[in-house]
Amino acid sequence: MQPIDPNQATIEMRYRTLLILWFGMSMALILYLVFIRLVPVEPAPSQKLTLILNTLGLIPVAGSFLIKQVLLGKANESHQVQVVHTAYILAFALCEISALLGLLDNRVTGSNYYYIGFVIGGLGMLLHFPRKQHLIDAAQGQF
């Protein structure tokens, strides 16, 4: 019979929390799309603004990967599991910025190219799906 590791429950709870946060932030992207479909907007086309907003959406998503890697490295060095949560939450929020820029594009210009921001943000969210191994690595020397 294997002894019960009390730290494993902590890691499981933290991982479950990350999954819930990821799911909630992903559902927010879908709710933005529903909002766009349900609330029509008067078109005021501006191709330059649409291009600028969709291009700006790439910056926070790209930055989310850099910030997450830096924070996960710090979490491993300092053996602080809570830093893993910070890394993921920041990554999720930065990916959502891209979708918000797509929403802004739709609301301001009425452009049908708003989905580009949502695709960029959604792909970022999918690529940031929480991994339990990051929590385990950070907890190695903590308990």
Protein backbone atom coordinates (compact mmCIF):
# COMPACT_ATOMS: atom_id res chain seq x y z
CA MET A 1 0.00 0.00 0.00
CA GLN A 2 1.38 3.39 -0.97
CA PRO A 3 1.42 6.15 1.61
CA ILE A 4 -0.86 9.09 0.88
CA ASP A 5 1.13 12.15 -0.06
CA PRO A 6 -0.59 15.26 1.36
CA ASN A 7 1.29 17.43 -1.16
CA GLN A 8 -0.26 15.60 -4.09
CA ALA A 9 -3.70 16.84 -3.04
CA THR A 10 -2.37 20.39 -3.01
CA ILE A 11 -0.97 19.99 -6.50
CA GLU A 12 -4.23 18.42 -7.68
CA MET A 13 -6.26 21.29 -6.23
CA ARG A 14 -3.96 23.88 -7.78
CA TYR A 15 -4.13 22.12 -11.13
CA ARG A 16 -7.92 21.97 -10.94
CA THR A 17 -7.96 25.69 -10.19
CA LEU A 18 -5.83 26.37 -13.27
CA LEU A 19 -8.17 24.27 -15.40
CA ILE A 20 -11.20 26.17 -14.11
CA LEU A 21 -9.50 29.50 -14.82
CA TRP A 22 -8.52 28.37 -18.31
CA PHE A 23 -12.05 27.18 -19.02
CA GLY A 24 -13.56 30.42 -17.71
CA MET A 25 -11.27 32.61 -19.78
CA SER A 26 -11.91 30.47 -22.87
CA MET A 27 -15.66 30.77 -22.35
CA ALA A 28 -15.25 34.55 -22.14
CA LEU A 29 -13.93 34.50 -25.72
CA ILE A 30 -17.01 32.59 -26.83
CA LEU A 31 -19.30 35.00 -24.98
CA TYR A 32 -17.67 37.91 -26.80
CA LEU A 33 -18.48 36.19 -30.10
CA VAL A 34 -22.08 35.65 -29.00
CA PHE A 35 -22.28 39.33 -28.05
CA ILE A 36 -21.04 40.32 -31.52
CA ARG A 37 -23.67 38.14 -33.17
CA LEU A 38 -26.55 39.30 -30.97
CA VAL A 39 -25.86 43.04 -30.93
CA PRO A 40 -25.56 44.49 -34.43
CA VAL A 41 -23.37 47.47 -35.13
CA GLU A 42 -23.59 50.17 -37.78
CA PRO A 43 -20.62 49.67 -40.15
CA ALA A 44 -18.12 52.50 -40.43
CA PRO A 45 -15.36 50.77 -42.44
CA SER A 46 -11.77 51.66 -41.78
CA GLN A 47 -9.35 49.13 -43.23
CA LYS A 48 -6.35 50.77 -41.61
CA LEU A 49 -7.87 50.62 -38.13
CA THR A 50 -8.90 46.99 -38.68
CA LEU A 51 -5.35 46.12 -39.77
CA ILE A 52 -3.83 47.98 -36.82
CA LEU A 53 -6.10 46.35 -34.23
CA ASN A 54 -5.62 42.85 -35.61
CA THR A 55 -1.85 43.34 -35.85
CA LEU A 56 -1.72 44.68 -32.30
CA GLY A 57 -3.44 41.47 -31.20
CA LEU A 58 -0.29 39.54 -32.03
CA ILE A 59 1.85 41.45 -29.53
CA PRO A 60 0.17 40.41 -26.25
CA VAL A 61 -0.15 36.78 -27.39
CA ALA A 62 3.53 36.63 -28.30
CA GLY A 63 4.39 38.34 -25.02
CA SER A 64 2.29 35.85 -23.08
CA PHE A 65 4.61 33.01 -24.07
CA LEU A 66 7.70 34.96 -23.06
CA ILE A 67 6.25 36.07 -19.73
CA LYS A 68 4.97 32.59 -18.93
CA GLN A 69 8.35 30.99 -19.60
CA VAL A 70 10.19 33.55 -17.47
CA LEU A 71 7.77 33.14 -14.56
CA LEU A 72 7.81 29.34 -14.79
CA GLY A 73 11.60 29.47 -14.65
CA LYS A 74 11.42 31.63 -11.53
CA ALA A 75 8.87 29.25 -10.01
CA ASN A 76 11.23 26.31 -10.56
CA GLU A 77 14.23 28.16 -9.15
CA SER A 78 12.46 29.45 -6.06
CA HIS A 79 10.19 26.39 -5.64
CA GLN A 80 7.10 28.59 -5.32
CA VAL A 81 4.01 26.92 -6.74
CA GLN A 82 1.96 30.11 -6.53
CA VAL A 83 4.22 31.70 -9.17
CA VAL A 84 2.99 29.03 -11.61
CA HIS A 85 -0.54 30.35 -11.06
CA THR A 86 0.66 33.88 -11.74
CA ALA A 87 2.36 32.76 -14.95
CA TYR A 88 -0.75 31.08 -16.28
CA ILE A 89 -3.15 33.85 -15.26
CA LEU A 90 -1.00 36.47 -16.98
CA ALA A 91 -0.76 34.30 -20.10
CA PHE A 92 -4.53 33.82 -20.19
CA ALA A 93 -5.18 37.54 -19.72
CA LEU A 94 -2.74 38.53 -22.44
CA CYS A 95 -4.37 36.12 -24.89
CA GLU A 96 -7.74 37.59 -24.07
CA ILE A 97 -6.45 41.05 -25.02
CA SER A 98 -6.22 39.88 -28.63
CA ALA A 99 -9.88 38.87 -28.61
CA LEU A 100 -10.83 42.16 -26.97
CA LEU A 101 -9.04 44.01 -29.77
CA GLY A 102 -11.08 41.96 -32.24
CA LEU A 103 -14.23 42.92 -30.34
CA LEU A 104 -13.14 46.56 -30.45
CA ASP A 105 -12.54 46.26 -34.17
CA ASN A 106 -16.07 45.00 -34.69
CA ARG A 107 -17.68 47.60 -32.47
CA VAL A 108 -15.76 50.57 -33.90
CA THR A 109 -15.54 49.71 -37.60
CA GLY A 110 -18.19 47.03 -38.05
CA SER A 111 -15.54 45.01 -39.86
CA ASN A 112 -16.09 41.33 -40.56
CA TYR A 113 -12.39 40.69 -39.97
CA TYR A 114 -12.82 40.83 -36.19
CA TYR A 115 -12.50 37.05 -36.11
CA ILE A 116 -8.74 37.34 -36.72
CA GLY A 117 -8.27 38.69 -33.20
CA PHE A 118 -10.40 35.87 -31.85
CA VAL A 119 -8.45 33.25 -33.78
CA ILE A 120 -5.15 34.63 -32.47
CA GLY A 121 -6.44 34.79 -28.89
CA GLY A 122 -8.11 31.38 -29.10
CA LEU A 123 -4.96 29.72 -30.43
CA GLY A 124 -2.97 31.35 -27.65
CA MET A 125 -5.43 30.02 -25.08
CA LEU A 126 -5.22 26.53 -26.56
CA LEU A 127 -1.44 26.63 -26.49
CA HIS A 128 -1.53 27.78 -22.86
CA PHE A 129 -3.60 24.81 -21.72
CA PRO A 130 -2.41 24.17 -18.13
CA ARG A 131 0.11 21.40 -17.56
CA LYS A 132 0.36 19.65 -14.22
CA GLN A 133 4.08 19.10 -14.76
CA HIS A 134 4.77 22.81 -14.25
CA LEU A 135 3.22 22.58 -10.77
CA ILE A 136 5.13 19.40 -9.96
CA ASP A 137 8.43 20.94 -11.09
CA ALA A 138 7.89 24.04 -8.97
CA ALA A 139 6.88 21.96 -5.92
CA GLN A 140 9.93 19.63 -6.02
CA GLY A 141 11.85 21.23 -3.18
CA GLN A 142 8.98 23.00 -1.46
CA PHE A 143 7.41 20.16 0.48
